[in-house]
């Protein structure tokens, strides 16, 4: 890491993680690695993508991520919300007319109910896949936006605490 960071690259990627090691080991490795990286260059963590992993690794100095998780999970009926994952396939949503995530500003949450999304998924309707992908991508983009704002306002620790508290409720 020290030798690579001595070179004047436009940014730095961290790869080879999230391939079976524990979260603790991944976080420790990222923390160790980022200490050598210039703070004024982008830091990219490859292939890591749970919302929790994003929060933990942003705290450790990572700026960017890529992962198939939002789109793959959308296709398989798992949607990300402020309160954790929702398995929209579940029969308990069949008659639930609430929005997927009342805190989400995406057009899916503003327009459609859990019952409707459940119906579309069960019917294997192509519209479901589009709406679910739109929602999950919006969720991820908004999560990153919230973290950027928290960092700029010097309240990241409070953001992180609230992030986990919602998921426990």
C-alpha atoms as a PDB file:
ATOM      1  CA  UNK A   1       0.000   0.000   0.000  1.00  0.00           C
ATOM      2  CA  UNK A   2       2.793   2.430   0.900  1.00  0.00           C
ATOM      3  CA  UNK A   3       4.630   1.849  -2.390  1.00  0.00           C
ATOM      4  CA  UNK A   4       1.514   2.225  -4.538  1.00  0.00           C
ATOM      5  CA  UNK A   5       0.423   5.355  -2.709  1.00  0.00           C
ATOM      6  CA  UNK A   6       3.827   6.911  -3.361  1.00  0.00           C
ATOM      7  CA  UNK A   7       2.925   6.877  -7.071  1.00  0.00           C
ATOM      8  CA  UNK A   8       0.841   9.784  -8.298  1.00  0.00           C
ATOM      9  CA  UNK A   9      -2.329   7.942  -9.325  1.00  0.00           C
ATOM     10  CA  UNK A  10      -5.656   9.768  -9.691  1.00  0.00           C
ATOM     11  CA  UNK A  11      -7.206   7.424  -7.126  1.00  0.00           C
ATOM     12  CA  UNK A  12      -6.739   4.071  -5.436  1.00  0.00           C
ATOM     13  CA  UNK A  13      -8.680   0.808  -5.468  1.00  0.00           C
ATOM     14  CA  UNK A  14      -8.819  -1.779  -2.728  1.00  0.00           C
ATOM     15  CA  UNK A  15      -9.628  -5.244  -4.047  1.00  0.00           C
ATOM     16  CA  UNK A  16      -9.547  -8.851  -2.970  1.00  0.00           C
ATOM     17  CA  UNK A  17     -11.931  -8.389  -0.054  1.00  0.00           C
ATOM     18  CA  UNK A  18     -15.471  -9.609   0.563  1.00  0.00           C
ATOM     19  CA  UNK A  19     -14.529 -13.071  -0.656  1.00  0.00           C
ATOM     20  CA  UNK A  20     -15.284 -15.081   2.461  1.00  0.00           C
ATOM     21  CA  UNK A  21     -13.388 -13.327   5.239  1.00  0.00           C
ATOM     22  CA  UNK A  22     -15.297 -12.041   8.263  1.00  0.00           C
ATOM     23  CA  UNK A  23     -16.633  -8.496   8.257  1.00  0.00           C
ATOM     24  CA  UNK A  24     -14.245  -7.729  11.099  1.00  0.00           C
ATOM     25  CA  UNK A  25     -11.249  -8.875   9.039  1.00  0.00           C
ATOM     26  CA  UNK A  26     -12.438  -6.870   6.034  1.00  0.00           C
ATOM     27  CA  UNK A  27     -12.923  -3.713   8.113  1.00  0.00           C
ATOM     28  CA  UNK A  28      -9.517  -4.143   9.770  1.00  0.00           C
ATOM     29  CA  UNK A  29      -7.843  -4.581   6.375  1.00  0.00           C
ATOM     30  CA  UNK A  30      -9.565  -1.519   4.923  1.00  0.00           C
ATOM     31  CA  UNK A  31      -8.648   0.549   7.968  1.00  0.00           C
ATOM     32  CA  UNK A  32      -5.025  -0.558   7.752  1.00  0.00           C
ATOM     33  CA  UNK A  33      -4.855   0.085   4.001  1.00  0.00           C
ATOM     34  CA  UNK A  34      -6.548   3.488   3.904  1.00  0.00           C
ATOM     35  CA  UNK A  35      -4.140   4.960   6.449  1.00  0.00           C
ATOM     36  CA  UNK A  36      -1.481   4.975   3.705  1.00  0.00           C
ATOM     37  CA  UNK A  37      -3.716   6.464   1.010  1.00  0.00           C
ATOM     38  CA  UNK A  38      -3.760  10.190   0.304  1.00  0.00           C
ATOM     39  CA  UNK A  39      -6.875  11.829   1.710  1.00  0.00           C
ATOM     40  CA  UNK A  40      -7.252  14.029  -1.376  1.00  0.00           C
ATOM     41  CA  UNK A  41      -7.549  11.090  -3.818  1.00  0.00           C
ATOM     42  CA  UNK A  42     -10.618   8.867  -4.295  1.00  0.00           C
ATOM     43  CA  UNK A  43     -10.565   5.518  -2.522  1.00  0.00           C
ATOM     44  CA  UNK A  44     -12.539   2.761  -4.198  1.00  0.00           C
ATOM     45  CA  UNK A  45     -13.487  -0.529  -2.517  1.00  0.00           C
ATOM     46  CA  UNK A  46     -14.245  -3.147  -5.135  1.00  0.00           C
ATOM     47  CA  UNK A  47     -17.205  -5.532  -4.935  1.00  0.00           C
ATOM     48  CA  UNK A  48     -18.389  -4.649  -1.426  1.00  0.00           C
ATOM     49  CA  UNK A  49     -21.995  -3.721  -1.073  1.00  0.00           C
ATOM     50  CA  UNK A  50     -24.265  -4.311   1.902  1.00  0.00           C
ATOM     51  CA  UNK A  51     -25.592  -1.054   3.347  1.00  0.00           C
ATOM     52  CA  UNK A  52     -23.789  -1.907   6.590  1.00  0.00           C
ATOM     53  CA  UNK A  53     -20.531  -2.465   4.696  1.00  0.00           C
ATOM     54  CA  UNK A  54     -20.888   0.918   3.015  1.00  0.00           C
ATOM     55  CA  UNK A  55     -21.382   2.682   6.358  1.00  0.00           C
ATOM     56  CA  UNK A  56     -18.505   0.832   8.027  1.00  0.00           C
ATOM     57  CA  UNK A  57     -16.088   1.415   5.166  1.00  0.00           C
ATOM     58  CA  UNK A  58     -16.989   5.067   4.626  1.00  0.00           C
ATOM     59  CA  UNK A  59     -16.105   5.493   8.283  1.00  0.00           C
ATOM     60  CA  UNK A  60     -12.730   3.947   7.447  1.00  0.00           C
ATOM     61  CA  UNK A  61     -12.080   6.378   4.604  1.00  0.00           C
ATOM     62  CA  UNK A  62     -13.557   4.709   1.507  1.00  0.00           C
ATOM     63  CA  UNK A  63     -15.271   7.005  -1.018  1.00  0.00           C
ATOM     64  CA  UNK A  64     -16.666   4.693  -3.709  1.00  0.00           C
ATOM     65  CA  UNK A  65     -18.058   1.188  -4.087  1.00  0.00           C
ATOM     66  CA  UNK A  66     -19.416  -1.069  -6.774  1.00  0.00           C
ATOM     67  CA  UNK A  67     -21.542  -4.126  -6.244  1.00  0.00           C
ATOM     68  CA  UNK A  68     -24.321  -6.094  -7.898  1.00  0.00           C
ATOM     69  CA  UNK A  69     -26.230  -6.293  -4.613  1.00  0.00           C
ATOM     70  CA  UNK A  70     -28.889  -3.605  -5.253  1.00  0.00           C
ATOM     71  CA  UNK A  71     -29.844  -5.014  -8.646  1.00  0.00           C
ATOM     72  CA  UNK A  72     -29.423  -8.717  -7.887  1.00  0.00           C
ATOM     73  CA  UNK A  73     -31.391  -8.456  -4.665  1.00  0.00           C
ATOM     74  CA  UNK A  74     -34.120  -6.481  -6.437  1.00  0.00           C
ATOM     75  CA  UNK A  75     -34.490  -9.274  -9.001  1.00  0.00           C
ATOM     76  CA  UNK A  76     -34.760 -11.838  -6.211  1.00  0.00           C
ATOM     77  CA  UNK A  77     -37.390  -9.972  -4.177  1.00  0.00           C
ATOM     78  CA  UNK A  78     -35.191  -8.307  -1.552  1.00  0.00           C
ATOM     79  CA  UNK A  79     -35.575  -4.558  -1.203  1.00  0.00           C
ATOM     80  CA  UNK A  80     -33.462  -2.274   0.972  1.00  0.00           C
ATOM     81  CA  UNK A  81     -35.139   0.190   3.314  1.00  0.00           C
ATOM     82  CA  UNK A  82     -34.217   2.543   6.125  1.00  0.00           C
ATOM     83  CA  UNK A  83     -35.266  -0.220   8.515  1.00  0.00           C
ATOM     84  CA  UNK A  84     -33.414  -3.091   6.873  1.00  0.00           C
ATOM     85  CA  UNK A  85     -34.197  -5.572   4.132  1.00  0.00           C
ATOM     86  CA  UNK A  86     -37.743  -6.398   3.043  1.00  0.00           C
ATOM     87  CA  UNK A  87     -38.510  -9.733   1.403  1.00  0.00           C
ATOM     88  CA  UNK A  88     -41.348  -8.527  -0.819  1.00  0.00           C
ATOM     89  CA  UNK A  89     -42.163 -12.146  -1.795  1.00  0.00           C
ATOM     90  CA  UNK A  90     -43.590 -12.723   1.669  1.00  0.00           C
ATOM     91  CA  UNK A  91     -47.332 -13.338   1.845  1.00  0.00           C
ATOM     92  CA  UNK A  92     -47.541 -10.877   4.747  1.00  0.00           C
ATOM     93  CA  UNK A  93     -47.301  -8.038   2.210  1.00  0.00           C
ATOM     94  CA  UNK A  94     -50.163  -9.344   0.069  1.00  0.00           C
ATOM     95  CA  UNK A  95     -52.629  -6.838   1.530  1.00  0.00           C
ATOM     96  CA  UNK A  96     -50.221  -4.269   2.979  1.00  0.00           C
ATOM     97  CA  UNK A  97     -51.092  -0.919   1.444  1.00  0.00           C
ATOM     98  CA  UNK A  98     -48.239   0.974   3.097  1.00  0.00           C
ATOM     99  CA  UNK A  99     -45.320   2.307   1.072  1.00  0.00           C
ATOM    100  CA  UNK A 100     -42.211   0.160   1.003  1.00  0.00           C
ATOM    101  CA  UNK A 101     -40.230   2.749   2.988  1.00  0.00           C
ATOM    102  CA  UNK A 102     -42.061   5.837   4.251  1.00  0.00           C
ATOM    103  CA  UNK A 103     -38.705   7.637   4.623  1.00  0.00           C
ATOM    104  CA  UNK A 104     -37.657   7.014   1.020  1.00  0.00           C
ATOM    105  CA  UNK A 105     -38.114   9.732  -1.586  1.00  0.00           C
ATOM    106  CA  UNK A 106     -38.041   7.497  -4.663  1.00  0.00           C
ATOM    107  CA  UNK A 107     -40.957   7.368  -7.077  1.00  0.00           C
ATOM    108  CA  UNK A 108     -41.612   3.738  -6.150  1.00  0.00           C
ATOM    109  CA  UNK A 109     -42.144   4.495  -2.459  1.00  0.00           C
ATOM    110  CA  UNK A 110     -44.162   7.610  -3.261  1.00  0.00           C
ATOM    111  CA  UNK A 111     -46.443   5.785  -5.702  1.00  0.00           C
ATOM    112  CA  UNK A 112     -46.776   2.057  -4.968  1.00  0.00           C
ATOM    113  CA  UNK A 113     -47.700  -0.093  -1.978  1.00  0.00           C
ATOM    114  CA  UNK A 114     -46.007  -3.194  -0.630  1.00  0.00           C
ATOM    115  CA  UNK A 115     -49.108  -5.135  -1.732  1.00  0.00           C
ATOM    116  CA  UNK A 116     -48.719  -3.959  -5.321  1.00  0.00           C
ATOM    117  CA  UNK A 117     -45.012  -4.779  -5.387  1.00  0.00           C
ATOM    118  CA  UNK A 118     -45.784  -8.181  -3.856  1.00  0.00           C
ATOM    119  CA  UNK A 119     -48.389  -8.822  -6.569  1.00  0.00           C
ATOM    120  CA  UNK A 120     -46.014  -7.778  -9.355  1.00  0.00           C
ATOM    121  CA  UNK A 121     -43.257 -10.024  -8.008  1.00  0.00           C
ATOM    122  CA  UNK A 122     -45.553 -13.047  -7.627  1.00  0.00           C
ATOM    123  CA  UNK A 123     -46.892 -12.502 -11.154  1.00  0.00           C
ATOM    124  CA  UNK A 124     -43.274 -12.245 -12.419  1.00  0.00           C
ATOM    125  CA  UNK A 125     -44.351  -9.016 -14.063  1.00  0.00           C
ATOM    126  CA  UNK A 126     -41.475  -7.190 -15.767  1.00  0.00           C
ATOM    127  CA  UNK A 127     -42.657  -3.957 -14.152  1.00  0.00           C
ATOM    128  CA  UNK A 128     -41.678  -5.367 -10.751  1.00  0.00           C
ATOM    129  CA  UNK A 129     -38.036  -5.776 -11.761  1.00  0.00           C
ATOM    130  CA  UNK A 130     -37.849  -2.218 -13.045  1.00  0.00           C
ATOM    131  CA  UNK A 131     -39.523  -0.720  -9.947  1.00  0.00           C
ATOM    132  CA  UNK A 132     -37.475  -2.833  -7.528  1.00  0.00           C
ATOM    133  CA  UNK A 133     -34.230  -1.891  -9.254  1.00  0.00           C
ATOM    134  CA  UNK A 134     -35.176   1.797  -9.294  1.00  0.00           C
ATOM    135  CA  UNK A 135     -35.923   1.641  -5.570  1.00  0.00           C
ATOM    136  CA  UNK A 136     -32.769  -0.247  -4.548  1.00  0.00           C
ATOM    137  CA  UNK A 137     -30.494   1.988  -6.617  1.00  0.00           C
ATOM    138  CA  UNK A 138     -32.192   5.075  -5.190  1.00  0.00           C
ATOM    139  CA  UNK A 139     -31.744   3.673  -1.675  1.00  0.00           C
ATOM    140  CA  UNK A 140     -27.997   3.157  -2.231  1.00  0.00           C
ATOM    141  CA  UNK A 141     -27.479   6.574  -3.839  1.00  0.00           C
ATOM    142  CA  UNK A 142     -29.423   8.239  -1.037  1.00  0.00           C
ATOM    143  CA  UNK A 143     -27.462   6.347   1.623  1.00  0.00           C
ATOM    144  CA  UNK A 144     -24.216   7.656   0.128  1.00  0.00           C
ATOM    145  CA  UNK A 145     -25.689  11.172  -0.061  1.00  0.00           C
ATOM    146  CA  UNK A 146     -26.706  11.023   3.601  1.00  0.00           C
ATOM    147  CA  UNK A 147     -23.206   9.918   4.574  1.00  0.00           C
ATOM    148  CA  UNK A 148     -21.566  12.712   2.550  1.00  0.00           C
ATOM    149  CA  UNK A 149     -23.822  15.255   4.257  1.00  0.00           C
ATOM    150  CA  UNK A 150     -23.098  13.777   7.696  1.00  0.00           C
ATOM    151  CA  UNK A 151     -19.349  13.988   7.038  1.00  0.00           C
ATOM    152  CA  UNK A 152     -19.569  17.599   5.830  1.00  0.00           C
ATOM    153  CA  UNK A 153     -21.658  18.512   8.888  1.00  0.00           C
ATOM    154  CA  UNK A 154     -19.268  16.647  11.212  1.00  0.00           C
ATOM    155  CA  UNK A 155     -21.984  14.291  12.468  1.00  0.00           C
ATOM    156  CA  UNK A 156     -21.036  10.945  10.931  1.00  0.00           C
ATOM    157  CA  UNK A 157     -20.922   9.126  14.281  1.00  0.00           C
ATOM    158  CA  UNK A 158     -24.491  10.265  15.011  1.00  0.00           C
ATOM    159  CA  UNK A 159     -25.571   9.226  11.511  1.00  0.00           C
ATOM    160  CA  UNK A 160     -24.068   5.771  12.027  1.00  0.00           C
ATOM    161  CA  UNK A 161     -25.752   5.375  15.412  1.00  0.00           C
ATOM    162  CA  UNK A 162     -29.157   6.313  13.937  1.00  0.00           C
ATOM    163  CA  UNK A 163     -28.574   4.051  10.910  1.00  0.00           C
ATOM    164  CA  UNK A 164     -28.116   0.989  13.138  1.00  0.00           C
ATOM    165  CA  UNK A 165     -30.855   1.990  15.585  1.00  0.00           C
ATOM    166  CA  UNK A 166     -33.457   2.037  12.778  1.00  0.00           C
ATOM    167  CA  UNK A 167     -32.366  -1.412  11.656  1.00  0.00           C
ATOM    168  CA  UNK A 168     -32.886  -2.804  15.152  1.00  0.00           C
ATOM    169  CA  UNK A 169     -36.475  -1.546  15.377  1.00  0.00           C
END
